[in-house]
Amino acid sequence: MSFRDFSILLLRVSIGLLLVFWGLDKVVNTEHAVAVSDKFYLGLFSQVMLLQIFGVAEALIGIIIVFGIWRKYTYPVMILMNAVSAIGVWKSIVDPWGWYLQGTNVLFYPSLIILAGSFVLLAFMEFDNVALDVKLENR
């Protein structure tokens, strides 16, 4: 496995697992998920059943991404999910230390990095030689 293959694999698996963890959090820790929705998403997703449905979908997308299946379809969904997250915490991206904006947290700045990594995965999809859909196509 080349360094490029390993790098893309590591990025794909780490972002995919992050989606799995975020999704599972919505399913099993609904109080936390509702609190996040209330604080960052104007309460738009604060119904427990809706959050759990989103959580299951997010975890499934994450698992599919980890293995590198249907990347043409799952990567745009991943970008959309990560973009929504980044938009929700935009103040923490613009002013992570809260010097000018209220309600920021430096721990949310990585949302921008995750979104950037998602774009990298889509942009360099043709170089991901270890994705399962590539292995199945080459059989």
N, C-alpha and C. Protein backbone atom coordinates (compact mmCIF):
# COMPACT_ATOMS: atom_id res chain seq x y z
N MET A 1 0.86 -1.18 0.00
CA MET A 1 0.00 0.00 0.00
C MET A 1 0.90 1.23 0.00
N SER A 2 0.63 2.13 -0.92
CA SER A 2 1.44 3.34 -1.03
C SER A 2 1.05 4.34 0.07
N PHE A 3 1.88 5.34 0.23
CA PHE A 3 1.58 6.40 1.20
C PHE A 3 0.29 7.12 0.84
N ARG A 4 0.07 7.36 -0.46
CA ARG A 4 -1.17 8.00 -0.92
C ARG A 4 -2.37 7.13 -0.59
N ASP A 5 -2.28 5.84 -0.86
CA ASP A 5 -3.39 4.92 -0.55
C ASP A 5 -3.70 4.94 0.94
N PHE A 6 -2.65 4.88 1.75
CA PHE A 6 -2.84 4.89 3.20
C PHE A 6 -3.46 6.21 3.67
N SER A 7 -3.00 7.32 3.12
CA SER A 7 -3.51 8.63 3.52
C SER A 7 -4.99 8.78 3.21
N ILE A 8 -5.39 8.38 2.01
CA ILE A 8 -6.79 8.48 1.63
C ILE A 8 -7.63 7.51 2.46
N LEU A 9 -7.12 6.31 2.68
CA LEU A 9 -7.81 5.34 3.52
C LEU A 9 -8.02 5.88 4.93
N LEU A 10 -6.97 6.45 5.50
CA LEU A 10 -7.06 7.00 6.86
C LEU A 10 -8.10 8.13 6.92
N LEU A 11 -8.11 9.00 5.93
CA LEU A 11 -9.09 10.09 5.90
C LEU A 11 -10.50 9.54 5.75
N ARG A 12 -10.69 8.59 4.85
CA ARG A 12 -12.02 8.01 4.62
C ARG A 12 -12.53 7.30 5.87
N VAL A 13 -11.69 6.49 6.49
CA VAL A 13 -12.11 5.74 7.68
C VAL A 13 -12.37 6.68 8.85
N SER A 14 -11.52 7.68 9.04
CA SER A 14 -11.70 8.57 10.19
C SER A 14 -12.96 9.42 10.05
N ILE A 15 -13.23 9.94 8.87
CA ILE A 15 -14.46 10.73 8.69
C ILE A 15 -15.69 9.83 8.73
N GLY A 16 -15.58 8.65 8.15
CA GLY A 16 -16.70 7.70 8.21
C GLY A 16 -17.02 7.30 9.64
N LEU A 17 -16.00 7.01 10.44
CA LEU A 17 -16.24 6.65 11.84
C LEU A 17 -16.80 7.83 12.63
N LEU A 18 -16.37 9.03 12.30
CA LEU A 18 -16.94 10.19 12.97
C LEU A 18 -18.45 10.26 12.72
N LEU A 19 -18.87 10.01 11.50
CA LEU A 19 -20.30 9.99 11.20
C LEU A 19 -21.00 8.87 11.97
N VAL A 20 -20.35 7.72 12.08
CA VAL A 20 -20.92 6.62 12.87
C VAL A 20 -21.10 7.06 14.32
N PHE A 21 -20.07 7.66 14.90
CA PHE A 21 -20.15 8.08 16.30
C PHE A 21 -21.20 9.16 16.50
N TRP A 22 -21.24 10.15 15.61
CA TRP A 22 -22.25 11.20 15.71
C TRP A 22 -23.65 10.62 15.57
N GLY A 23 -23.79 9.68 14.64
CA GLY A 23 -25.10 9.04 14.44
C GLY A 23 -25.53 8.24 15.66
N LEU A 24 -24.62 7.45 16.21
CA LEU A 24 -24.96 6.66 17.39
C LEU A 24 -25.29 7.55 18.58
N ASP A 25 -24.60 8.67 18.68
CA ASP A 25 -24.90 9.61 19.78
C ASP A 25 -26.35 10.09 19.69
N LYS A 26 -26.82 10.33 18.48
CA LYS A 26 -28.21 10.77 18.30
C LYS A 26 -29.20 9.67 18.70
N VAL A 27 -28.80 8.43 18.52
CA VAL A 27 -29.69 7.31 18.81
C VAL A 27 -29.72 7.00 20.31
N VAL A 28 -28.55 6.96 20.94
CA VAL A 28 -28.51 6.50 22.34
C VAL A 28 -28.45 7.61 23.37
N ASN A 29 -28.05 8.80 22.96
CA ASN A 29 -27.92 9.91 23.90
C ASN A 29 -28.81 11.05 23.42
N THR A 30 -30.10 10.79 23.43
CA THR A 30 -31.04 11.74 22.84
C THR A 30 -31.08 13.07 23.56
N GLU A 31 -30.83 13.07 24.87
CA GLU A 31 -30.81 14.35 25.59
C GLU A 31 -29.70 15.25 25.05
N HIS A 32 -28.54 14.67 24.80
CA HIS A 32 -27.43 15.44 24.24
C HIS A 32 -27.77 15.92 22.83
N ALA A 33 -28.36 15.03 22.04
CA ALA A 33 -28.71 15.39 20.66
C ALA A 33 -29.73 16.53 20.63
N VAL A 34 -30.71 16.49 21.52
CA VAL A 34 -31.70 17.57 21.58
C VAL A 34 -31.03 18.87 22.02
N ALA A 35 -30.13 18.79 23.00
CA ALA A 35 -29.43 19.99 23.46
C ALA A 35 -28.60 20.61 22.34
N VAL A 36 -27.92 19.78 21.55
CA VAL A 36 -27.13 20.27 20.42
C VAL A 36 -28.06 20.92 19.39
N SER A 37 -29.17 20.27 19.10
CA SER A 37 -30.13 20.82 18.14
C SER A 37 -30.66 22.17 18.62
N ASP A 38 -31.00 22.24 19.90
CA ASP A 38 -31.53 23.49 20.44
C ASP A 38 -30.50 24.62 20.36
N LYS A 39 -29.24 24.29 20.68
CA LYS A 39 -28.21 25.34 20.75
C LYS A 39 -27.70 25.77 19.37
N PHE A 40 -27.50 24.80 18.47
CA PHE A 40 -26.81 25.12 17.22
C PHE A 40 -27.70 25.11 15.98
N TYR A 41 -28.86 24.47 16.06
CA TYR A 41 -29.69 24.32 14.87
C TYR A 41 -31.10 24.88 15.09
N LEU A 42 -31.21 25.86 15.98
CA LEU A 42 -32.46 26.57 16.24
C LEU A 42 -33.61 25.64 16.63
N GLY A 43 -33.26 24.46 17.17
CA GLY A 43 -34.27 23.51 17.59
C GLY A 43 -35.00 22.82 16.46
N LEU A 44 -34.49 22.95 15.23
CA LEU A 44 -35.18 22.39 14.07
C LEU A 44 -35.27 20.86 14.11
N PHE A 45 -34.33 20.24 14.80
CA PHE A 45 -34.27 18.78 14.81
C PHE A 45 -34.47 18.23 16.22
N SER A 46 -35.16 18.94 17.06
CA SER A 46 -35.20 18.60 18.48
C SER A 46 -36.24 17.55 18.86
N GLN A 47 -36.86 16.90 17.92
CA GLN A 47 -37.77 15.81 18.23
C GLN A 47 -36.98 14.51 18.29
N VAL A 48 -37.13 13.78 19.38
CA VAL A 48 -36.32 12.60 19.63
C VAL A 48 -36.40 11.59 18.48
N MET A 49 -37.59 11.26 18.03
CA MET A 49 -37.72 10.27 16.96
C MET A 49 -37.02 10.74 15.68
N LEU A 50 -37.16 12.00 15.34
CA LEU A 50 -36.49 12.55 14.16
C LEU A 50 -34.97 12.46 14.31
N LEU A 51 -34.46 12.80 15.49
CA LEU A 51 -33.03 12.71 15.74
C LEU A 51 -32.55 11.26 15.64
N GLN A 52 -33.33 10.34 16.14
CA GLN A 52 -32.93 8.93 16.08
C GLN A 52 -32.93 8.42 14.64
N ILE A 53 -33.89 8.85 13.85
CA ILE A 53 -33.91 8.47 12.43
C ILE A 53 -32.68 9.05 11.72
N PHE A 54 -32.40 10.33 11.97
CA PHE A 54 -31.19 10.94 11.41
C PHE A 54 -29.95 10.21 11.89
N GLY A 55 -29.94 9.83 13.16
CA GLY A 55 -28.78 9.14 13.73
C GLY A 55 -28.52 7.81 13.06
N VAL A 56 -29.56 7.03 12.85
CA VAL A 56 -29.40 5.74 12.17
C VAL A 56 -28.90 5.96 10.75
N ALA A 57 -29.50 6.91 10.05
CA ALA A 57 -29.07 7.20 8.68
C ALA A 57 -27.62 7.66 8.64
N GLU A 58 -27.25 8.53 9.58
CA GLU A 58 -25.88 9.04 9.62
C GLU A 58 -24.89 7.92 9.92
N ALA A 59 -25.24 7.04 10.85
CA ALA A 59 -24.35 5.92 11.18
C ALA A 59 -24.21 4.97 9.99
N LEU A 60 -25.30 4.70 9.29
CA LEU A 60 -25.23 3.82 8.12
C LEU A 60 -24.38 4.43 7.01
N ILE A 61 -24.57 5.73 6.76
CA ILE A 61 -23.73 6.42 5.76
C ILE A 61 -22.26 6.32 6.18
N GLY A 62 -22.00 6.53 7.46
CA GLY A 62 -20.63 6.44 7.95
C GLY A 62 -20.01 5.07 7.73
N ILE A 63 -20.76 4.02 8.00
CA ILE A 63 -20.26 2.65 7.80
C ILE A 63 -19.97 2.41 6.32
N ILE A 64 -20.88 2.85 5.47
CA ILE A 64 -20.68 2.69 4.02
C ILE A 64 -19.43 3.44 3.57
N ILE A 65 -19.21 4.63 4.13
CA ILE A 65 -18.02 5.41 3.78
C ILE A 65 -16.75 4.73 4.28
N VAL A 66 -16.78 4.19 5.49
CA VAL A 66 -15.60 3.50 6.03
C VAL A 66 -15.14 2.43 5.05
N PHE A 67 -16.08 1.66 4.51
CA PHE A 67 -15.72 0.57 3.61
C PHE A 67 -15.49 1.04 2.17
N GLY A 68 -15.93 2.24 1.85
CA GLY A 68 -15.71 2.75 0.50
C GLY A 68 -16.66 2.16 -0.52
N ILE A 69 -17.94 2.12 -0.16
CA ILE A 69 -18.96 1.58 -1.06
C ILE A 69 -19.83 2.75 -1.55
N TRP A 70 -20.20 2.70 -2.83
CA TRP A 70 -21.09 3.71 -3.42
C TRP A 70 -20.60 5.13 -3.18
N ARG A 71 -19.31 5.35 -3.30
CA ARG A 71 -18.72 6.65 -2.96
C ARG A 71 -19.28 7.80 -3.80
N LYS A 72 -19.63 7.52 -5.05
CA LYS A 72 -20.22 8.56 -5.90
C LYS A 72 -21.47 9.16 -5.28
N TYR A 73 -22.18 8.35 -4.53
CA TYR A 73 -23.45 8.77 -3.93
C TYR A 73 -23.31 9.19 -2.47
N THR A 74 -22.44 8.46 -1.74
CA THR A 74 -22.33 8.75 -0.31
C THR A 74 -21.46 9.97 -0.01
N TYR A 75 -20.48 10.26 -0.85
CA TYR A 75 -19.63 11.42 -0.57
C TYR A 75 -20.40 12.73 -0.63
N PRO A 76 -21.26 12.95 -1.63
CA PRO A 76 -22.05 14.20 -1.59
C PRO A 76 -22.96 14.28 -0.35
N VAL A 77 -23.50 13.15 0.08
CA VAL A 77 -24.33 13.14 1.29
C VAL A 77 -23.46 13.49 2.50
N MET A 78 -22.26 12.92 2.55
CA MET A 78 -21.32 13.20 3.64
C MET A 78 -20.98 14.70 3.66
N ILE A 79 -20.74 15.27 2.50
CA ILE A 79 -20.42 16.70 2.42
C ILE A 79 -21.60 17.52 2.92
N LEU A 80 -22.79 17.16 2.52
CA LEU A 80 -23.97 17.88 2.98
C LEU A 80 -24.11 17.81 4.50
N MET A 81 -23.96 16.62 5.06
CA MET A 81 -24.07 16.47 6.52
C MET A 81 -23.00 17.29 7.24
N ASN A 82 -21.77 17.23 6.74
CA ASN A 82 -20.69 17.97 7.39
C ASN A 82 -20.80 19.47 7.16
N ALA A 83 -21.38 19.87 6.03
CA ALA A 83 -21.61 21.30 5.79
C ALA A 83 -22.67 21.83 6.74
N VAL A 84 -23.72 21.06 6.96
CA VAL A 84 -24.76 21.48 7.90
C VAL A 84 -24.16 21.64 9.30
N SER A 85 -23.30 20.71 9.68
CA SER A 85 -22.63 20.82 10.98
C SER A 85 -21.77 22.07 11.06
N ALA A 86 -21.01 22.31 10.01
CA ALA A 86 -20.13 23.49 10.00
C ALA A 86 -20.94 24.78 10.03
N ILE A 87 -22.03 24.82 9.31
CA ILE A 87 -22.88 26.01 9.33
C ILE A 87 -23.45 26.23 10.72
N GLY A 88 -23.82 25.14 11.38
CA GLY A 88 -24.38 25.24 12.72
C GLY A 88 -23.43 25.84 13.73
N VAL A 89 -22.13 25.64 13.52
CA VAL A 89 -21.14 26.16 14.47
C VAL A 89 -20.26 27.22 13.82
N TRP A 90 -20.81 27.94 12.85
CA TRP A 90 -20.03 28.90 12.07
C TRP A 90 -19.30 29.91 12.94
N LYS A 91 -19.91 30.32 14.03
CA LYS A 91 -19.24 31.31 14.89
C LYS A 91 -17.93 30.76 15.43
N SER A 92 -17.91 29.48 15.75
CA SER A 92 -16.70 28.86 16.28
C SER A 92 -15.63 28.68 15.21
N ILE A 93 -16.04 28.68 13.95
CA ILE A 93 -15.08 28.60 12.85
C ILE A 93 -14.49 29.98 12.58
N VAL A 94 -15.35 30.99 12.59
CA VAL A 94 -14.92 32.36 12.31
C VAL A 94 -14.11 32.94 13.48
N ASP A 95 -14.54 32.66 14.70
CA ASP A 95 -13.92 33.23 15.90
C ASP A 95 -13.82 32.16 16.99
N PRO A 96 -12.90 31.19 16.81
CA PRO A 96 -12.87 30.04 17.72
C PRO A 96 -12.63 30.41 19.19
N TRP A 97 -11.92 31.48 19.45
CA TRP A 97 -11.62 31.85 20.84
C TRP A 97 -12.68 32.76 21.45
N GLY A 98 -13.68 33.15 20.66
CA GLY A 98 -14.75 34.00 21.19
C GLY A 98 -14.29 35.41 21.50
N TRP A 99 -13.30 35.92 20.77
CA TRP A 99 -12.82 37.27 21.01
C TRP A 99 -13.83 38.32 20.57
N TYR A 100 -14.60 37.99 19.54
CA TYR A 100 -15.54 38.97 18.99
C TYR A 100 -16.99 38.49 19.01
N LEU A 101 -17.20 37.20 18.92
CA LEU A 101 -18.55 36.64 18.85
C LEU A 101 -18.86 35.86 20.13
N GLN A 102 -20.08 35.96 20.59
CA GLN A 102 -20.53 35.22 21.76
C GLN A 102 -20.93 33.79 21.36
N GLY A 103 -20.78 32.86 22.29
CA GLY A 103 -21.25 31.50 22.08
C GLY A 103 -20.36 30.64 21.21
N THR A 104 -19.06 30.95 21.16
CA THR A 104 -18.16 30.14 20.36
C THR A 104 -17.39 29.17 21.25
N ASN A 105 -16.80 28.17 20.61
CA ASN A 105 -16.02 27.17 21.33
C ASN A 105 -14.96 26.65 20.37
N VAL A 106 -13.72 26.76 20.76
CA VAL A 106 -12.62 26.34 19.90
C VAL A 106 -12.71 24.85 19.54
N LEU A 107 -13.39 24.06 20.36
CA LEU A 107 -13.52 22.64 20.08
C LEU A 107 -14.39 22.35 18.84
N PHE A 108 -15.14 23.35 18.38
CA PHE A 108 -15.96 23.17 17.19
C PHE A 108 -15.24 23.63 15.92
N TYR A 109 -14.08 24.24 16.04
CA TYR A 109 -13.33 24.67 14.86
C TYR A 109 -13.03 23.49 13.92
N PRO A 110 -12.73 22.29 14.43
CA PRO A 110 -12.45 21.17 13.52
C PRO A 110 -13.58 20.82 12.57
N SER A 111 -14.76 21.36 12.78
CA SER A 111 -15.84 21.14 11.81
C SER A 111 -15.41 21.60 10.42
N LEU A 112 -14.62 22.66 10.36
CA LEU A 112 -14.11 23.14 9.08
C LEU A 112 -13.12 22.14 8.49
N ILE A 113 -12.28 21.57 9.33
CA ILE A 113 -11.29 20.59 8.88
C ILE A 113 -11.99 19.33 8.37
N ILE A 114 -13.03 18.91 9.06
CA ILE A 114 -13.79 17.73 8.65
C ILE A 114 -14.46 17.99 7.31
N LEU A 115 -15.04 19.18 7.14
CA LEU A 115 -15.66 19.52 5.86
C LEU A 115 -14.61 19.55 4.75
N ALA A 116 -13.46 20.12 5.02
CA ALA A 116 -12.38 20.17 4.01
C ALA A 116 -11.94 18.75 3.64
N GLY A 117 -11.79 17.89 4.64
CA GLY A 117 -11.42 16.50 4.37
C GLY A 117 -12.46 15.78 3.54
N SER A 118 -13.73 16.11 3.76
CA SER A 118 -14.80 15.51 2.97
C SER A 118 -14.69 15.92 1.50
N PHE A 119 -14.38 17.20 1.28
CA PHE A 119 -14.17 17.66 -0.10
C PHE A 119 -12.95 16.99 -0.73
N VAL A 120 -11.91 16.78 0.05
CA VAL A 120 -10.71 16.10 -0.46
C VAL A 120 -11.05 14.67 -0.89
N LEU A 121 -11.85 13.98 -0.07
CA LEU A 121 -12.23 12.61 -0.45
C LEU A 121 -12.98 12.59 -1.78
N LEU A 122 -13.88 13.52 -1.97
CA LEU A 122 -14.62 13.58 -3.23
C LEU A 122 -13.70 13.95 -4.39
N ALA A 123 -12.85 14.94 -4.17
CA ALA A 123 -11.96 15.42 -5.24
C ALA A 123 -10.93 14.37 -5.67
N PHE A 124 -10.51 13.53 -4.73
CA PHE A 124 -9.47 12.54 -5.02
C PHE A 124 -10.01 11.12 -5.02
N MET A 125 -11.31 10.98 -5.23
CA MET A 125 -11.95 9.68 -5.19
C MET A 125 -11.29 8.69 -6.17
N GLU A 126 -10.87 9.17 -7.31
CA GLU A 126 -10.26 8.29 -8.31
C GLU A 126 -8.93 7.71 -7.86
N PHE A 127 -8.33 8.31 -6.83
CA PHE A 127 -7.05 7.82 -6.32
C PHE A 127 -7.20 6.89 -5.12
N ASP A 128 -8.43 6.64 -4.69
CA ASP A 128 -8.67 5.76 -3.55
C ASP A 128 -8.71 4.32 -4.07
N ASN A 129 -7.53 3.71 -4.11
CA ASN A 129 -7.40 2.38 -4.69
C ASN A 129 -7.78 1.26 -3.74
N VAL A 130 -8.03 1.57 -2.49
CA VAL A 130 -8.34 0.53 -1.51
C VAL A 130 -9.81 0.55 -1.08
N ALA A 131 -10.63 1.36 -1.72
CA ALA A 131 -12.07 1.37 -1.42
C ALA A 131 -12.68 0.06 -1.91
N LEU A 132 -13.67 -0.40 -1.18
CA LEU A 132 -14.30 -1.68 -1.52
C LEU A 132 -14.95 -1.66 -2.90
N ASP A 133 -15.55 -0.53 -3.28
CA ASP A 133 -16.17 -0.51 -4.60
C ASP A 133 -15.14 -0.62 -5.72
N VAL A 134 -13.92 -0.16 -5.50
CA VAL A 134 -12.84 -0.32 -6.48
C VAL A 134 -12.43 -1.79 -6.55
N LYS A 135 -12.31 -2.43 -5.39
CA LYS A 135 -11.92 -3.84 -5.35
C LYS A 135 -12.98 -4.71 -6.04
N LEU A 136 -14.26 -4.40 -5.82
CA LEU A 136 -15.32 -5.18 -6.44
C LEU A 136 -15.38 -4.94 -7.95
N GLU A 137 -15.08 -3.71 -8.36
CA GLU A 137 -15.10 -3.38 -9.79
C GLU A 137 -13.97 -4.08 -10.53
N ASN A 138 -12.85 -4.29 -9.86
CA ASN A 138 -11.68 -4.90 -10.50
C ASN A 138 -11.74 -6.42 -10.54
N ARG A 139 -12.79 -7.01 -9.97
CA ARG A 139 -12.90 -8.48 -9.97
C ARG A 139 -13.30 -9.02 -11.29
